[in-house]
Amino acid sequence: MTDEPRIPFNLEVLYDDASIIVVDKPHFLATMPRGMWYRQTALMRLRAMYDDDSIVPAHRLDRMTAGVVLFVRDPALRGAYQTMFQEHKVEKIYECLAPAKPIARPWNGTVEFIARPNVFPLIRRSHIVKERSRLQAREIPGEPNAQTMIDLGRPPACAQGYREYVLHPCTGKTHQLRVHMNSLGLPICGDDLYPTVVDRPYDDFSTPLELVARSLEFKDPVSGTVHRFTSKVPIGVA
């Protein structure tokens, strides 16, 4: 790409050792090269920063989602860290900004209220599919393959009518958190895919998706150390 625009946000390293690098990824920066994005990705920035082409991601976040991402320095160790994610041995907590209003009844799947008579926290379960030819994932009838616990967060320092939600994904389907929040009638602020696709210029960085992978906690499969990393990216201050 000769006209690849520079993403005007810094990639902060939260931690590194001989095995891993943990970063705080900003909004709009893809985790790894895809489509028109190559140099302006977290992976390529890290490889340049460390002068090391062996760095690989253990997992990824959507380009529009900010927050904590784990990279592996030795490709031979990648499998151990990927397995940790696949076997749900990583505690992941997200935060988002969305409308402060009663939830809607989803067309598919279930909603379980776990602290009645309170609405939150709740557990949203549904069957999510994502075809390569479609920008949006969608929920269809069937056995649930995606589960998210959703709770209320702190009152945000932002415009009235919105509030912070805390999201605990138990599975990792594409766009799962965005789909589940939208299905409840609570689309995440700044979402250019849900409920409808918004066509923005690729170099427009004015409207971030207000979704942050706030923390990762896990027992390191190599060192045995229990790690917890927290993103500093703010919610609802744009």
Protein backbone atom coordinates (compact mmCIF):
# COMPACT_ATOMS: atom_id res chain seq x y z
CA MET A 1 0.00 0.00 0.00
CA THR A 2 1.50 3.32 -1.05
CA ASP A 3 -1.40 5.41 0.30
CA GLU A 4 -1.98 3.58 3.57
CA PRO A 5 -2.93 6.36 6.02
CA ARG A 6 -1.10 6.64 9.31
CA ILE A 7 -3.26 5.74 12.32
CA PRO A 8 -2.64 8.78 14.58
CA PHE A 9 -2.71 6.87 17.88
CA ASN A 10 0.11 5.31 19.87
CA LEU A 11 0.54 1.60 20.60
CA GLU A 12 1.62 1.33 24.25
CA VAL A 13 3.55 -1.67 25.53
CA LEU A 14 2.18 -2.67 28.93
CA TYR A 15 4.58 -5.56 29.57
CA ASP A 16 7.24 -7.68 27.95
CA ASP A 17 9.51 -10.57 28.87
CA ALA A 18 11.37 -13.29 26.98
CA SER A 19 8.10 -14.97 25.93
CA ILE A 20 5.39 -12.35 25.49
CA ILE A 21 4.60 -8.72 24.74
CA VAL A 22 1.33 -7.20 25.98
CA VAL A 23 0.08 -4.00 24.36
CA ASP A 24 -2.72 -1.49 24.82
CA LYS A 25 -4.12 -1.30 21.28
CA PRO A 26 -5.83 1.94 20.25
CA HIS A 27 -9.06 2.14 18.29
CA PHE A 28 -8.72 1.89 14.47
CA LEU A 29 -5.44 -0.08 14.57
CA ALA A 30 -5.84 -3.64 13.26
CA THR A 31 -4.14 -6.41 15.24
CA MET A 32 -2.46 -7.87 12.15
CA PRO A 33 -2.31 -7.14 8.39
CA ARG A 34 -5.58 -7.50 6.55
CA GLY A 35 -7.05 -5.83 3.50
CA MET A 36 -5.57 -2.38 2.96
CA TRP A 37 -3.86 -2.33 6.37
CA TYR A 38 -0.28 -3.58 6.60
CA ARG A 39 2.26 -1.23 8.18
CA GLN A 40 -0.43 0.43 10.26
CA THR A 41 -1.20 -2.66 12.35
CA ALA A 42 -0.21 -3.58 15.88
CA LEU A 43 1.83 -6.57 14.68
CA MET A 44 3.93 -4.63 12.17
CA ARG A 45 4.46 -1.73 14.58
CA LEU A 46 5.70 -4.18 17.22
CA ARG A 47 8.01 -5.97 14.79
CA ALA A 48 9.53 -2.61 13.84
CA MET A 49 9.75 -1.48 17.46
CA TYR A 50 11.57 -4.65 18.57
CA ASP A 51 13.33 -5.28 15.22
CA ASP A 52 12.00 -8.82 15.41
CA ASP A 53 9.97 -10.50 12.65
CA SER A 54 9.27 -13.57 14.80
CA ILE A 55 6.64 -11.78 16.91
CA VAL A 56 3.14 -13.23 16.38
CA PRO A 57 -0.28 -12.56 17.96
CA ALA A 58 -1.78 -15.05 20.41
CA HIS A 59 -5.28 -13.71 19.69
CA ARG A 60 -6.74 -10.58 18.13
CA LEU A 61 -9.16 -7.72 18.57
CA ASP A 62 -11.27 -6.14 15.84
CA ARG A 63 -9.69 -3.06 14.29
CA MET A 64 -12.36 -0.84 15.86
CA THR A 65 -11.99 -2.35 19.36
CA ALA A 66 -9.30 -0.98 21.66
CA GLY A 67 -7.60 -2.65 24.60
CA VAL A 68 -5.26 -5.36 25.79
CA VAL A 69 -3.71 -7.73 23.22
CA LEU A 70 -1.14 -10.47 23.84
CA PHE A 71 1.70 -11.20 21.41
CA VAL A 72 4.21 -14.07 21.53
CA ARG A 73 7.93 -13.51 20.90
CA ASP A 74 8.85 -17.12 20.08
CA PRO A 75 6.60 -18.76 17.44
CA ALA A 76 7.34 -22.14 19.04
CA LEU A 77 5.40 -20.95 22.10
CA ARG A 78 2.43 -19.61 20.16
CA GLY A 79 0.47 -22.84 20.44
CA ALA A 80 0.64 -22.82 24.25
CA TYR A 81 -0.78 -19.30 24.44
CA GLN A 82 -3.40 -19.88 21.73
CA THR A 83 -4.57 -23.03 23.53
CA MET A 84 -4.96 -20.96 26.68
CA PHE A 85 -7.49 -18.77 24.84
CA GLN A 86 -9.20 -21.68 23.07
CA GLU A 87 -9.72 -23.52 26.34
CA HIS A 88 -11.18 -20.38 27.98
CA LYS A 89 -8.39 -20.14 30.55
CA VAL A 90 -8.17 -16.38 30.10
CA GLU A 91 -10.48 -14.08 32.03
CA LYS A 92 -11.50 -11.28 29.66
CA ILE A 93 -13.41 -8.19 30.72
CA TYR A 94 -14.66 -5.56 28.28
CA GLU A 95 -16.28 -2.19 28.84
CA CYS A 96 -18.53 -0.31 26.45
CA LEU A 97 -20.73 2.76 26.22
CA ALA A 98 -24.34 2.24 25.10
CA PRO A 99 -27.81 3.73 25.61
CA ALA A 100 -29.21 3.85 29.14
CA LYS A 101 -32.68 2.48 28.51
CA PRO A 102 -34.76 -0.68 29.03
CA ILE A 103 -33.57 -3.69 27.09
CA ALA A 104 -35.45 -5.00 24.06
CA ARG A 105 -36.59 -8.60 23.62
CA PRO A 106 -34.22 -10.38 21.17
CA TRP A 107 -35.65 -12.27 18.20
CA ASN A 108 -33.45 -15.32 18.81
CA GLY A 109 -31.62 -16.88 21.71
CA THR A 110 -32.23 -16.35 25.39
CA VAL A 111 -31.80 -13.75 28.12
CA GLU A 112 -31.26 -14.99 31.69
CA PHE A 113 -31.71 -12.54 34.55
CA ILE A 114 -29.43 -13.73 37.34
CA ALA A 115 -30.29 -11.22 40.07
CA ARG A 116 -34.06 -10.73 39.87
CA PRO A 117 -35.85 -8.38 40.18
CA ASN A 118 -32.87 -6.46 38.74
CA VAL A 119 -32.38 -6.54 34.98
CA PHE A 120 -28.59 -6.56 35.29
CA PRO A 121 -26.49 -8.58 35.44
CA LEU A 122 -27.89 -10.81 32.72
CA ILE A 123 -26.60 -13.59 30.48
CA ARG A 124 -27.26 -13.36 26.75
CA ARG A 125 -27.02 -16.57 24.73
CA SER A 126 -27.59 -17.01 20.98
CA HIS A 127 -26.34 -18.73 17.85
CA ILE A 128 -24.12 -16.33 15.87
CA VAL A 129 -22.94 -16.89 12.30
CA LYS A 130 -20.60 -14.74 10.22
CA GLU A 131 -20.24 -15.30 6.47
CA ARG A 132 -17.11 -14.00 4.76
CA SER A 133 -19.19 -12.17 2.16
CA ARG A 134 -21.13 -10.18 4.77
CA LEU A 135 -19.92 -7.30 6.93
CA GLN A 136 -22.34 -8.12 9.71
CA ALA A 137 -22.62 -11.24 11.82
CA ARG A 138 -26.17 -12.35 12.55
CA GLU A 139 -28.13 -14.40 15.06
CA ILE A 140 -30.16 -17.35 13.84
CA PRO A 141 -32.36 -19.94 15.58
CA GLY A 142 -30.44 -22.89 16.96
CA GLU A 143 -28.33 -24.14 19.83
CA PRO A 144 -26.46 -21.18 21.35
CA ASN A 145 -22.78 -20.97 20.44
CA ALA A 146 -22.16 -17.53 22.00
CA GLN A 147 -22.59 -16.41 25.59
CA THR A 148 -21.96 -13.04 27.25
CA MET A 149 -22.62 -11.85 30.79
CA ILE A 150 -23.57 -8.16 30.78
CA ASP A 151 -23.58 -5.92 33.84
CA LEU A 152 -23.82 -2.22 34.57
CA GLY A 153 -20.60 -0.26 34.90
CA ARG A 154 -19.77 3.09 36.43
CA PRO A 155 -21.74 6.21 35.51
CA PRO A 156 -19.77 7.63 32.54
CA ALA A 157 -18.51 11.19 32.23
CA CYS A 158 -20.36 11.76 28.98
CA ALA A 159 -23.64 12.92 27.45
CA GLN A 160 -26.86 12.11 29.28
CA GLY A 161 -28.74 9.08 28.02
CA TYR A 162 -25.76 6.71 27.87
CA ARG A 163 -24.01 4.55 30.39
CA GLU A 164 -21.12 2.14 30.78
CA TYR A 165 -21.65 -1.62 30.61
CA VAL A 166 -19.24 -4.36 31.66
CA LEU A 167 -19.10 -7.39 29.37
CA HIS A 168 -17.77 -10.84 30.23
CA PRO A 169 -17.61 -12.99 27.08
CA CYS A 170 -17.67 -16.72 27.77
CA THR A 171 -17.12 -17.48 24.06
CA GLY A 172 -15.32 -15.63 21.28
CA LYS A 173 -17.50 -15.44 18.19
CA THR A 174 -16.80 -12.70 15.63
CA HIS A 175 -18.50 -9.44 16.67
CA GLN A 176 -20.12 -11.28 19.58
CA LEU A 177 -20.25 -8.35 22.00
CA ARG A 178 -21.49 -5.93 19.36
CA VAL A 179 -24.17 -8.37 18.20
CA HIS A 180 -25.33 -9.21 21.73
CA MET A 181 -25.58 -5.58 22.83
CA ASN A 182 -27.43 -4.64 19.64
CA SER A 183 -29.85 -7.55 20.05
CA LEU A 184 -30.87 -6.09 23.41
CA GLY A 185 -31.60 -2.73 21.81
CA LEU A 186 -28.38 -1.30 23.26
CA PRO A 187 -26.05 -0.78 20.27
CA ILE A 188 -22.56 0.27 21.30
CA CYS A 189 -21.81 3.94 20.64
CA GLY A 190 -19.78 4.53 17.49
CA ASP A 191 -20.63 1.13 16.01
CA ASP A 192 -20.53 1.42 12.21
CA LEU A 193 -21.96 -2.08 11.65
CA TYR A 194 -24.79 -2.56 14.15
CA PRO A 195 -27.67 -2.02 13.86
CA THR A 196 -26.93 -0.67 10.35
CA VAL A 197 -23.79 -0.36 8.26
CA VAL A 198 -22.40 3.19 8.20
CA ASP A 199 -20.03 3.95 5.32
CA ARG A 200 -17.24 6.11 6.73
CA PRO A 201 -14.03 7.13 4.92
CA TYR A 202 -11.16 4.78 5.84
CA ASP A 203 -9.12 7.73 7.13
CA ASP A 204 -11.90 9.11 9.35
CA PHE A 205 -10.78 8.54 12.93
CA SER A 206 -13.31 10.89 14.54
CA THR A 207 -15.84 8.33 15.80
CA PRO A 208 -14.33 5.42 17.75
CA LEU A 209 -16.30 2.33 18.66
CA GLU A 210 -16.80 2.76 22.41
CA LEU A 211 -15.68 -0.79 23.20
CA VAL A 212 -12.48 -1.57 25.13
CA ALA A 213 -10.94 -4.92 26.07
CA ARG A 214 -10.33 -3.64 29.58
CA SER A 215 -8.38 -6.51 31.10
CA LEU A 216 -6.82 -9.93 30.56
CA GLU A 217 -5.98 -12.28 33.43
CA PHE A 218 -4.31 -15.68 33.02
CA LYS A 219 -1.74 -18.09 34.36
CA ASP A 220 1.24 -17.99 32.01
CA PRO A 221 1.59 -21.47 30.44
CA VAL A 222 5.37 -21.04 30.19
CA SER A 223 6.42 -19.32 33.44
CA GLY A 224 3.45 -20.21 35.63
CA THR A 225 3.09 -16.55 36.65
CA VAL A 226 -0.44 -15.20 37.11
CA HIS A 227 -0.72 -12.02 35.00
CA ARG A 228 -3.39 -9.33 34.95
CA PHE A 229 -3.13 -6.50 32.45
CA THR A 230 -5.43 -3.47 32.27
CA SER A 231 -6.08 -1.08 29.38
CA LYS A 232 -5.83 2.67 29.95
CA VAL A 233 -8.04 3.58 26.98
CA PRO A 234 -10.92 5.73 28.29
CA ILE A 235 -14.60 5.18 27.61
CA GLY A 236 -17.00 7.93 26.59
CA VAL A 237 -14.73 10.95 26.59
CA ALA A 238 -14.58 11.67 22.84
